[in-house]
All heavy atoms as atom14 arrays in JSON, in Angstrom:
{
  "sequence": "RNRHWEDFFDRLIELKENEGIQVSLIIQVDTQCHRIPNFIAKAQWA",
  "atom14_mask": [
    [1, 1, 1, 1, 1, 1, 1, 1, 1, 1, 1, 0, 0, 0],
    [1, 1, 1, 1, 1, 1, 1, 1, 0, 0, 0, 0, 0, 0],
    [1, 1, 1, 1, 1, 1, 1, 1, 1, 1, 1, 0, 0, 0],
    [1, 1, 1, 1, 1, 1, 1, 1, 1, 1, 0, 0, 0, 0],
    [1, 1, 1, 1, 1, 1, 1, 1, 1, 1, 1, 1, 1, 1],
    [1, 1, 1, 1, 1, 1, 1, 1, 1, 0, 0, 0, 0, 0],
    [1, 1, 1, 1, 1, 1, 1, 1, 0, 0, 0, 0, 0, 0],
    [1, 1, 1, 1, 1, 1, 1, 1, 1, 1, 1, 0, 0, 0],
    [1, 1, 1, 1, 1, 1, 1, 1, 1, 1, 1, 0, 0, 0],
    [1, 1, 1, 1, 1, 1, 1, 1, 0, 0, 0, 0, 0, 0],
    [1, 1, 1, 1, 1, 1, 1, 1, 1, 1, 1, 0, 0, 0],
    [1, 1, 1, 1, 1, 1, 1, 1, 0, 0, 0, 0, 0, 0],
    [1, 1, 1, 1, 1, 1, 1, 1, 0, 0, 0, 0, 0, 0],
    [1, 1, 1, 1, 1, 1, 1, 1, 1, 0, 0, 0, 0, 0],
    [1, 1, 1, 1, 1, 1, 1, 1, 0, 0, 0, 0, 0, 0],
    [1, 1, 1, 1, 1, 1, 1, 1, 1, 0, 0, 0, 0, 0],
    [1, 1, 1, 1, 1, 1, 1, 1, 1, 0, 0, 0, 0, 0],
    [1, 1, 1, 1, 1, 1, 1, 1, 0, 0, 0, 0, 0, 0],
    [1, 1, 1, 1, 1, 1, 1, 1, 1, 0, 0, 0, 0, 0],
    [1, 1, 1, 1, 0, 0, 0, 0, 0, 0, 0, 0, 0, 0],
    [1, 1, 1, 1, 1, 1, 1, 1, 0, 0, 0, 0, 0, 0],
    [1, 1, 1, 1, 1, 1, 1, 1, 1, 0, 0, 0, 0, 0],
    [1, 1, 1, 1, 1, 1, 1, 0, 0, 0, 0, 0, 0, 0],
    [1, 1, 1, 1, 1, 1, 0, 0, 0, 0, 0, 0, 0, 0],
    [1, 1, 1, 1, 1, 1, 1, 1, 0, 0, 0, 0, 0, 0],
    [1, 1, 1, 1, 1, 1, 1, 1, 0, 0, 0, 0, 0, 0],
    [1, 1, 1, 1, 1, 1, 1, 1, 0, 0, 0, 0, 0, 0],
    [1, 1, 1, 1, 1, 1, 1, 1, 1, 0, 0, 0, 0, 0],
    [1, 1, 1, 1, 1, 1, 1, 0, 0, 0, 0, 0, 0, 0],
    [1, 1, 1, 1, 1, 1, 1, 1, 0, 0, 0, 0, 0, 0],
    [1, 1, 1, 1, 1, 1, 1, 0, 0, 0, 0, 0, 0, 0],
    [1, 1, 1, 1, 1, 1, 1, 1, 1, 0, 0, 0, 0, 0],
    [1, 1, 1, 1, 1, 1, 0, 0, 0, 0, 0, 0, 0, 0],
    [1, 1, 1, 1, 1, 1, 1, 1, 1, 1, 0, 0, 0, 0],
    [1, 1, 1, 1, 1, 1, 1, 1, 1, 1, 1, 0, 0, 0],
    [1, 1, 1, 1, 1, 1, 1, 1, 0, 0, 0, 0, 0, 0],
    [1, 1, 1, 1, 1, 1, 1, 0, 0, 0, 0, 0, 0, 0],
    [1, 1, 1, 1, 1, 1, 1, 1, 0, 0, 0, 0, 0, 0],
    [1, 1, 1, 1, 1, 1, 1, 1, 1, 1, 1, 0, 0, 0],
    [1, 1, 1, 1, 1, 1, 1, 1, 0, 0, 0, 0, 0, 0],
    [1, 1, 1, 1, 1, 0, 0, 0, 0, 0, 0, 0, 0, 0],
    [1, 1, 1, 1, 1, 1, 1, 1, 1, 0, 0, 0, 0, 0],
    [1, 1, 1, 1, 1, 0, 0, 0, 0, 0, 0, 0, 0, 0],
    [1, 1, 1, 1, 1, 1, 1, 1, 1, 0, 0, 0, 0, 0],
    [1, 1, 1, 1, 1, 1, 1, 1, 1, 1, 1, 1, 1, 1],
    [1, 1, 1, 1, 1, 0, 0, 0, 0, 0, 0, 0, 0, 0]
  ],
  "atom14_positions": [
    [[4.84, 4.49, 9.11], [5.78, 3.94, 10.23], [5.48, 2.51, 10.64], [6.06, 2.04, 11.59], [5.82, 4.91, 11.34], [6.23, 6.3, 11.05], [7.54, 6.38, 10.3], [7.63, 7.46, 9.32], [8.56, 7.61, 8.39], [9.54, 6.81, 8.4], [8.5, 8.65, 7.54], [0.0, 0.0, 0.0], [0.0, 0.0, 0.0], [0.0, 0.0, 0.0]],
    [[4.47, 1.95, 10.02], [4.2, 0.47, 10.3], [5.23, -0.32, 9.5], [5.27, -0.26, 8.25], [2.79, 0.15, 9.81], [2.4, -1.26, 10.2], [3.12, -2.19, 10.08], [1.17, -1.39, 10.68], [0.0, 0.0, 0.0], [0.0, 0.0, 0.0], [0.0, 0.0, 0.0], [0.0, 0.0, 0.0], [0.0, 0.0, 0.0], [0.0, 0.0, 0.0]],
    [[6.1, -0.98, 10.19], [7.23, -1.63, 9.52], [6.78, -2.75, 8.54], [7.61, -3.22, 7.72], [8.23, -2.24, 10.52], [7.69, -3.4, 11.31], [8.91, -4.04, 12.13], [8.42, -5.1, 12.97], [8.27, -5.05, 14.29], [8.6, -3.9, 14.92], [7.9, -6.13, 14.96], [0.0, 0.0, 0.0], [0.0, 0.0, 0.0], [0.0, 0.0, 0.0]],
    [[5.48, -3.07, 8.56], [5.01, -4.15, 7.68], [4.25, -3.46, 6.48], [3.51, -4.28, 5.8], [4.07, -5.08, 8.4], [4.72, -5.8, 9.5], [5.89, -6.66, 9.34], [4.47, -5.84, 10.88], [6.27, -7.11, 10.56], [5.47, -6.61, 11.43], [0.0, 0.0, 0.0], [0.0, 0.0, 0.0], [0.0, 0.0, 0.0], [0.0, 0.0, 0.0]],
    [[4.3, -2.16, 6.29], [3.53, -1.52, 5.32], [3.61, -2.16, 3.91], [2.63, -2.3, 3.24], [3.85, -0.06, 5.23], [5.19, 0.23, 4.59], [6.39, 0.63, 5.25], [5.52, 0.41, 3.22], [7.37, 0.78, 4.39], [6.89, 0.68, 3.12], [4.79, 0.26, 2.05], [7.5, 0.88, 1.88], [5.4, 0.41, 0.79], [6.77, 0.71, 0.74]],
    [[4.85, -2.56, 3.51], [5.0, -3.14, 2.15], [4.34, -4.51, 2.09], [3.73, -4.9, 1.06], [6.53, -3.2, 1.82], [6.7, -3.49, 0.31], [8.09, -3.12, -0.15], [9.04, -3.01, 0.72], [8.24, -2.93, -1.32], [0.0, 0.0, 0.0], [0.0, 0.0, 0.0], [0.0, 0.0, 0.0], [0.0, 0.0, 0.0], [0.0, 0.0, 0.0]],
    [[4.49, -5.31, 3.11], [3.8, -6.61, 3.17], [2.29, -6.39, 3.06], [1.6, -7.16, 2.35], [4.09, -7.32, 4.48], [5.56, -7.76, 4.64], [6.22, -7.84, 3.55], [6.02, -7.89, 5.8], [0.0, 0.0, 0.0], [0.0, 0.0, 0.0], [0.0, 0.0, 0.0], [0.0, 0.0, 0.0], [0.0, 0.0, 0.0], [0.0, 0.0, 0.0]],
    [[1.72, -5.42, 3.73], [0.31, -5.16, 3.63], [-0.06, -4.73, 2.23], [-1.08, -5.21, 1.67], [-0.12, -4.02, 4.62], [0.08, -4.4, 6.11], [0.47, -3.44, 6.96], [-0.14, -5.66, 6.5], [0.66, -3.76, 8.35], [-0.08, -6.0, 7.85], [0.41, -5.08, 8.76], [0.0, 0.0, 0.0], [0.0, 0.0, 0.0], [0.0, 0.0, 0.0]],
    [[0.59, -3.78, 1.66], [0.29, -3.33, 0.29], [0.47, -4.45, -0.73], [-0.37, -4.66, -1.66], [1.15, -2.16, -0.12], [0.75, -0.82, 0.63], [1.67, 0.19, 0.67], [-0.47, -0.64, 1.18], [1.33, 1.36, 1.3], [-0.86, 0.53, 1.83], [0.06, 1.53, 1.93], [0.0, 0.0, 0.0], [0.0, 0.0, 0.0], [0.0, 0.0, 0.0]],
    [[1.51, -5.27, -0.59], [1.75, -6.34, -1.48], [0.62, -7.37, -1.44], [0.1, -7.89, -2.42], [3.08, -7.05, -1.16], [4.28, -6.24, -1.68], [4.08, -5.36, -2.49], [5.41, -6.6, -1.19], [0.0, 0.0, 0.0], [0.0, 0.0, 0.0], [0.0, 0.0, 0.0], [0.0, 0.0, 0.0], [0.0, 0.0, 0.0], [0.0, 0.0, 0.0]],
    [[0.1, -7.66, -0.22], [-0.97, -8.64, -0.03], [-2.28, -8.05, -0.74], [-2.98, -8.86, -1.45], [-1.21, -8.89, 1.45], [-2.26, -10.03, 1.68], [-1.8, -11.36, 1.14], [-0.64, -11.84, 1.78], [-0.58, -12.57, 2.88], [-1.77, -12.93, 3.42], [0.5, -12.96, 3.49], [0.0, 0.0, 0.0], [0.0, 0.0, 0.0], [0.0, 0.0, 0.0]],
    [[-2.51, -6.76, -0.55], [-3.71, -6.24, -1.16], [-3.56, -6.22, -2.72], [-4.58, -6.44, -3.44], [-3.92, -4.81, -0.65], [-4.32, -4.6, 0.79], [-4.35, -3.25, 1.21], [-5.69, -5.28, 1.06], [0.0, 0.0, 0.0], [0.0, 0.0, 0.0], [0.0, 0.0, 0.0], [0.0, 0.0, 0.0], [0.0, 0.0, 0.0], [0.0, 0.0, 0.0]],
    [[-2.37, -6.01, -3.21], [-2.12, -6.01, -4.58], [-2.28, -7.39, -5.19], [-2.91, -7.64, -6.26], [-0.76, -5.5, -4.96], [-0.61, -4.03, -4.62], [-0.3, -5.75, -6.42], [0.78, -3.48, -4.59], [0.0, 0.0, 0.0], [0.0, 0.0, 0.0], [0.0, 0.0, 0.0], [0.0, 0.0, 0.0], [0.0, 0.0, 0.0], [0.0, 0.0, 0.0]],
    [[-1.88, -8.42, -4.4], [-2.09, -9.8, -4.81], [-3.56, -10.21, -4.9], [-4.05, -10.77, -5.85], [-1.37, -10.76, -3.84], [0.18, -10.79, -3.89], [0.77, -11.61, -2.81], [-0.04, -12.35, -2.15], [2.0, -11.51, -2.62], [0.0, 0.0, 0.0], [0.0, 0.0, 0.0], [0.0, 0.0, 0.0], [0.0, 0.0, 0.0], [0.0, 0.0, 0.0]],
    [[-4.33, -9.73, -3.9], [-5.77, -10.04, -3.93], [-6.4, -9.34, -5.1], [-7.38, -9.88, -5.71], [-6.39, -9.6, -2.58], [-6.03, -10.29, -1.34], [-6.59, -9.67, -0.06], [-6.57, -11.73, -1.42], [0.0, 0.0, 0.0], [0.0, 0.0, 0.0], [0.0, 0.0, 0.0], [0.0, 0.0, 0.0], [0.0, 0.0, 0.0], [0.0, 0.0, 0.0]],
    [[-5.98, -8.19, -5.4], [-6.56, -7.4, -6.55], [-6.19, -8.09, -7.84], [-7.09, -8.24, -8.72], [-5.99, -5.94, -6.41], [-6.35, -5.03, -7.67], [-5.69, -3.72, -7.44], [-5.98, -2.77, -8.66], [-5.31, -1.42, -8.48], [0.0, 0.0, 0.0], [0.0, 0.0, 0.0], [0.0, 0.0, 0.0], [0.0, 0.0, 0.0], [0.0, 0.0, 0.0]],
    [[-4.88, -8.4, -8.04], [-4.46, -8.86, -9.36], [-4.91, -10.3, -9.6], [-5.22, -10.71, -10.66], [-2.93, -8.7, -9.48], [-2.47, -7.33, -9.39], [-2.98, -6.44, -10.46], [-3.21, -6.96, -11.62], [-3.12, -5.16, -10.34], [0.0, 0.0, 0.0], [0.0, 0.0, 0.0], [0.0, 0.0, 0.0], [0.0, 0.0, 0.0], [0.0, 0.0, 0.0]],
    [[-4.83, -11.17, -8.52], [-5.05, -12.56, -8.68], [-6.55, -13.02, -8.53], [-7.02, -13.94, -9.11], [-4.22, -13.38, -7.68], [-2.75, -13.18, -7.95], [-2.35, -12.8, -9.06], [-1.95, -13.37, -6.88], [0.0, 0.0, 0.0], [0.0, 0.0, 0.0], [0.0, 0.0, 0.0], [0.0, 0.0, 0.0], [0.0, 0.0, 0.0], [0.0, 0.0, 0.0]],
    [[-7.35, -12.24, -7.66], [-8.68, -12.68, -7.4], [-9.68, -11.6, -7.64], [-10.92, -11.82, -7.41], [-8.8, -13.12, -5.9], [-7.86, -14.29, -5.53], [-8.08, -14.71, -4.03], [-9.22, -14.82, -3.72], [-7.08, -14.95, -3.33], [0.0, 0.0, 0.0], [0.0, 0.0, 0.0], [0.0, 0.0, 0.0], [0.0, 0.0, 0.0], [0.0, 0.0, 0.0]],
    [[-9.32, -10.47, -8.08], [-10.23, -9.36, -8.36], [-10.84, -8.72, -7.12], [-11.86, -8.09, -7.23], [0.0, 0.0, 0.0], [0.0, 0.0, 0.0], [0.0, 0.0, 0.0], [0.0, 0.0, 0.0], [0.0, 0.0, 0.0], [0.0, 0.0, 0.0], [0.0, 0.0, 0.0], [0.0, 0.0, 0.0], [0.0, 0.0, 0.0], [0.0, 0.0, 0.0]],
    [[-10.23, -9.0, -5.99], [-10.74, -8.35, -4.73], [-10.07, -6.99, -4.62], [-8.97, -6.87, -4.11], [-10.44, -9.23, -3.53], [-11.13, -10.6, -3.65], [-10.84, -8.51, -2.26], [-10.82, -11.56, -2.51], [0.0, 0.0, 0.0], [0.0, 0.0, 0.0], [0.0, 0.0, 0.0], [0.0, 0.0, 0.0], [0.0, 0.0, 0.0], [0.0, 0.0, 0.0]],
    [[-10.8, -5.96, -5.08], [-10.24, -4.63, -5.07], [-10.85, -3.83, -4.03], [-12.06, -3.74, -3.9], [-10.47, -4.02, -6.46], [-9.77, -2.72, -6.68], [-9.85, -2.19, -8.11], [-10.11, -3.02, -9.04], [-9.55, -0.94, -8.34], [0.0, 0.0, 0.0], [0.0, 0.0, 0.0], [0.0, 0.0, 0.0], [0.0, 0.0, 0.0], [0.0, 0.0, 0.0]],
    [[-9.95, -3.12, -3.22], [-10.44, -2.36, -2.11], [-10.06, -0.87, -2.33], [-9.2, -0.49, -3.14], [-9.84, -2.78, -0.79], [-10.29, -4.26, -0.5], [-8.33, -2.71, -0.71], [0.0, 0.0, 0.0], [0.0, 0.0, 0.0], [0.0, 0.0, 0.0], [0.0, 0.0, 0.0], [0.0, 0.0, 0.0], [0.0, 0.0, 0.0], [0.0, 0.0, 0.0]],
    [[-10.84, 0.0, -1.67], [-10.54, 1.46, -1.61], [-10.13, 1.79, -0.2], [-10.85, 1.46, 0.74], [-11.76, 2.27, -2.03], [-12.15, 1.88, -3.36], [0.0, 0.0, 0.0], [0.0, 0.0, 0.0], [0.0, 0.0, 0.0], [0.0, 0.0, 0.0], [0.0, 0.0, 0.0], [0.0, 0.0, 0.0], [0.0, 0.0, 0.0], [0.0, 0.0, 0.0]],
    [[-9.01, 2.54, -0.06], [-8.43, 2.74, 1.27], [-8.3, 4.23, 1.6], [-7.84, 5.04, 0.67], [-7.14, 2.04, 1.4], [-7.04, 0.56, 1.2], [-5.67, 0.07, 1.32], [-7.91, -0.22, 2.2], [0.0, 0.0, 0.0], [0.0, 0.0, 0.0], [0.0, 0.0, 0.0], [0.0, 0.0, 0.0], [0.0, 0.0, 0.0], [0.0, 0.0, 0.0]],
    [[-8.58, 4.57, 2.85], [-8.06, 5.86, 3.37], [-7.06, 5.54, 4.42], [-7.3, 4.69, 5.27], [-9.29, 6.6, 4.06], [-10.35, 6.85, 2.99], [-8.81, 7.94, 4.64], [-11.63, 7.45, 3.65], [0.0, 0.0, 0.0], [0.0, 0.0, 0.0], [0.0, 0.0, 0.0], [0.0, 0.0, 0.0], [0.0, 0.0, 0.0], [0.0, 0.0, 0.0]],
    [[-5.86, 6.2, 4.39], [-4.84, 5.94, 5.32], [-4.34, 7.25, 5.9], [-4.55, 8.33, 5.36], [-3.64, 5.17, 4.7], [-3.0, 5.95, 3.63], [-4.05, 3.78, 4.22], [-1.64, 5.31, 3.15], [0.0, 0.0, 0.0], [0.0, 0.0, 0.0], [0.0, 0.0, 0.0], [0.0, 0.0, 0.0], [0.0, 0.0, 0.0], [0.0, 0.0, 0.0]],
    [[-3.68, 7.16, 7.07], [-3.0, 8.25, 7.69], [-1.44, 8.15, 7.6], [-0.97, 7.02, 7.89], [-3.46, 8.4, 9.16], [-4.98, 8.5, 9.33], [-5.44, 8.71, 10.7], [-5.66, 9.88, 11.17], [-5.59, 7.68, 11.48], [0.0, 0.0, 0.0], [0.0, 0.0, 0.0], [0.0, 0.0, 0.0], [0.0, 0.0, 0.0], [0.0, 0.0, 0.0]],
    [[-0.82, 9.23, 7.3], [0.66, 9.13, 7.14], [1.29, 10.46, 7.69], [0.57, 11.39, 8.08], [1.03, 9.03, 5.66], [0.54, 7.74, 5.04], [0.52, 10.23, 4.81], [0.0, 0.0, 0.0], [0.0, 0.0, 0.0], [0.0, 0.0, 0.0], [0.0, 0.0, 0.0], [0.0, 0.0, 0.0], [0.0, 0.0, 0.0], [0.0, 0.0, 0.0]],
    [[2.62, 10.45, 7.8], [3.29, 11.61, 8.26], [3.86, 12.38, 7.01], [3.75, 12.0, 5.89], [4.47, 11.21, 9.25], [5.5, 10.31, 8.56], [5.84, 10.54, 7.42], [6.0, 9.4, 9.27], [0.0, 0.0, 0.0], [0.0, 0.0, 0.0], [0.0, 0.0, 0.0], [0.0, 0.0, 0.0], [0.0, 0.0, 0.0], [0.0, 0.0, 0.0]],
    [[4.5, 13.48, 7.34], [5.04, 14.36, 6.24], [6.34, 13.9, 5.61], [6.78, 14.52, 4.66], [5.22, 15.8, 6.72], [6.14, 15.79, 7.84], [3.89, 16.35, 7.2], [0.0, 0.0, 0.0], [0.0, 0.0, 0.0], [0.0, 0.0, 0.0], [0.0, 0.0, 0.0], [0.0, 0.0, 0.0], [0.0, 0.0, 0.0], [0.0, 0.0, 0.0]],
    [[6.91, 12.78, 6.1], [8.14, 12.28, 5.52], [7.87, 10.98, 4.68], [8.86, 10.41, 4.26], [9.13, 11.95, 6.66], [9.55, 13.14, 7.47], [10.38, 14.19, 6.58], [11.35, 13.83, 5.98], [9.86, 15.42, 6.58], [0.0, 0.0, 0.0], [0.0, 0.0, 0.0], [0.0, 0.0, 0.0], [0.0, 0.0, 0.0], [0.0, 0.0, 0.0]],
    [[6.62, 10.56, 4.58], [6.37, 9.31, 3.88], [6.84, 9.27, 2.43], [7.13, 8.19, 1.95], [4.87, 9.08, 3.92], [3.83, 10.34, 3.13], [0.0, 0.0, 0.0], [0.0, 0.0, 0.0], [0.0, 0.0, 0.0], [0.0, 0.0, 0.0], [0.0, 0.0, 0.0], [0.0, 0.0, 0.0], [0.0, 0.0, 0.0], [0.0, 0.0, 0.0]],
    [[6.99, 10.36, 1.76], [7.38, 10.38, 0.4], [8.86, 10.01, 0.21], [9.25, 9.74, -0.9], [7.21, 11.86, -0.22], [8.01, 12.85, 0.39], [7.87, 13.3, 1.68], [9.03, 13.62, -0.12], [8.73, 14.22, 1.92], [9.44, 14.48, 0.97], [0.0, 0.0, 0.0], [0.0, 0.0, 0.0], [0.0, 0.0, 0.0], [0.0, 0.0, 0.0]],
    [[9.63, 10.05, 1.31], [10.95, 9.63, 1.26], [11.18, 8.09, 1.3], [12.29, 7.66, 1.02], [11.8, 10.24, 2.48], [11.87, 11.79, 2.4], [12.6, 12.24, 3.61], [12.87, 13.7, 3.55], [13.92, 14.25, 2.9], [14.79, 13.45, 2.41], [14.13, 15.55, 2.96], [0.0, 0.0, 0.0], [0.0, 0.0, 0.0], [0.0, 0.0, 0.0]],
    [[10.17, 7.45, 1.67], [10.23, 5.97, 1.64], [10.08, 5.36, 0.28], [9.09, 5.59, -0.41], [9.07, 5.34, 2.56], [9.18, 5.93, 3.98], [9.23, 3.87, 2.63], [7.97, 5.55, 4.87], [0.0, 0.0, 0.0], [0.0, 0.0, 0.0], [0.0, 0.0, 0.0], [0.0, 0.0, 0.0], [0.0, 0.0, 0.0], [0.0, 0.0, 0.0]],
    [[11.11, 4.74, -0.25], [11.06, 4.21, -1.59], [9.79, 3.32, -1.8], [9.5, 2.44, -1.07], [12.35, 3.3, -1.69], [13.29, 3.95, -0.69], [12.39, 4.36, 0.46], [0.0, 0.0, 0.0], [0.0, 0.0, 0.0], [0.0, 0.0, 0.0], [0.0, 0.0, 0.0], [0.0, 0.0, 0.0], [0.0, 0.0, 0.0], [0.0, 0.0, 0.0]],
    [[9.09, 3.68, -2.86], [7.9, 2.88, -3.33], [6.71, 2.99, -2.5], [5.67, 2.43, -2.82], [8.27, 1.38, -3.52], [9.33, 1.06, -4.6], [9.39, 1.71, -5.56], [10.22, 0.17, -4.22], [0.0, 0.0, 0.0], [0.0, 0.0, 0.0], [0.0, 0.0, 0.0], [0.0, 0.0, 0.0], [0.0, 0.0, 0.0], [0.0, 0.0, 0.0]],
    [[6.74, 3.78, -1.47], [5.59, 3.84, -0.56], [4.37, 4.36, -1.29], [3.26, 3.78, -1.24], [5.88, 4.7, 0.7], [4.74, 4.7, 1.65], [4.52, 3.7, 2.55], [3.82, 5.74, 1.65], [3.46, 3.72, 3.5], [2.74, 5.8, 2.55], [2.59, 4.81, 3.44], [0.0, 0.0, 0.0], [0.0, 0.0, 0.0], [0.0, 0.0, 0.0]],
    [[4.5, 5.55, -1.92], [3.34, 6.2, -2.57], [2.89, 5.4, -3.84], [1.68, 5.13, -3.97], [3.76, 7.67, -2.97], [3.84, 8.51, -1.73], [2.63, 8.21, -3.97], [4.22, 9.92, -2.04], [0.0, 0.0, 0.0], [0.0, 0.0, 0.0], [0.0, 0.0, 0.0], [0.0, 0.0, 0.0], [0.0, 0.0, 0.0], [0.0, 0.0, 0.0]],
    [[3.82, 4.82, -4.58], [3.42, 4.04, -5.71], [2.65, 2.76, -5.27], [1.63, 2.46, -5.94], [4.64, 3.67, -6.49], [0.0, 0.0, 0.0], [0.0, 0.0, 0.0], [0.0, 0.0, 0.0], [0.0, 0.0, 0.0], [0.0, 0.0, 0.0], [0.0, 0.0, 0.0], [0.0, 0.0, 0.0], [0.0, 0.0, 0.0], [0.0, 0.0, 0.0]],
    [[3.12, 2.1, -4.29], [2.4, 0.82, -3.84], [1.12, 1.2, -3.15], [0.12, 0.5, -3.22], [3.34, 0.06, -2.94], [4.46, -0.73, -3.74], [4.94, -1.91, -2.94], [5.9, -2.69, -3.86], [6.36, -3.98, -3.18], [0.0, 0.0, 0.0], [0.0, 0.0, 0.0], [0.0, 0.0, 0.0], [0.0, 0.0, 0.0], [0.0, 0.0, 0.0]],
    [[1.04, 2.34, -2.44], [-0.17, 2.76, -1.8], [-1.26, 2.88, -2.9], [-2.39, 2.43, -2.77], [0.06, 4.08, -1.06], [0.0, 0.0, 0.0], [0.0, 0.0, 0.0], [0.0, 0.0, 0.0], [0.0, 0.0, 0.0], [0.0, 0.0, 0.0], [0.0, 0.0, 0.0], [0.0, 0.0, 0.0], [0.0, 0.0, 0.0], [0.0, 0.0, 0.0]],
    [[-0.89, 3.56, -3.98], [-1.89, 3.78, -5.11], [-2.29, 2.45, -5.71], [-3.5, 2.2, -5.96], [-1.31, 4.67, -6.13], [-2.24, 4.91, -7.31], [-1.56, 5.38, -8.56], [-0.34, 5.02, -8.81], [-2.17, 6.13, -9.4], [0.0, 0.0, 0.0], [0.0, 0.0, 0.0], [0.0, 0.0, 0.0], [0.0, 0.0, 0.0], [0.0, 0.0, 0.0]],
    [[-1.35, 1.57, -5.98], [-1.65, 0.26, -6.55], [-2.54, -0.55, -5.61], [-3.4, -1.28, -6.07], [-0.31, -0.46, -6.78], [-0.43, -1.61, -7.76], [-1.45, -2.15, -8.39], [0.67, -2.49, -8.15], [-1.24, -3.23, -9.1], [0.15, -3.5, -9.02], [2.04, -2.49, -7.89], [0.9, -4.45, -9.59], [2.82, -3.57, -8.38], [2.25, -4.49, -9.28]],
    [[-2.26, -0.44, -4.33], [-3.02, -1.3, -3.36], [-4.45, -0.68, -3.2], [-5.31, -1.48, -2.64], [-2.38, -1.26, -1.98], [0.0, 0.0, 0.0], [0.0, 0.0, 0.0], [0.0, 0.0, 0.0], [0.0, 0.0, 0.0], [0.0, 0.0, 0.0], [0.0, 0.0, 0.0], [0.0, 0.0, 0.0], [0.0, 0.0, 0.0], [0.0, 0.0, 0.0]]
  ]
}
């Protein structure tokens, strides 16, 4: 429900792909998160 979630994941993906700064994340979500387009896919990529 953070309205900037995609910006956050995109920035982490950029750091990973462009600079090799790869992080491991634990996040908290609600039971409706799977309905958000690309949320789970980008979470994994990030």
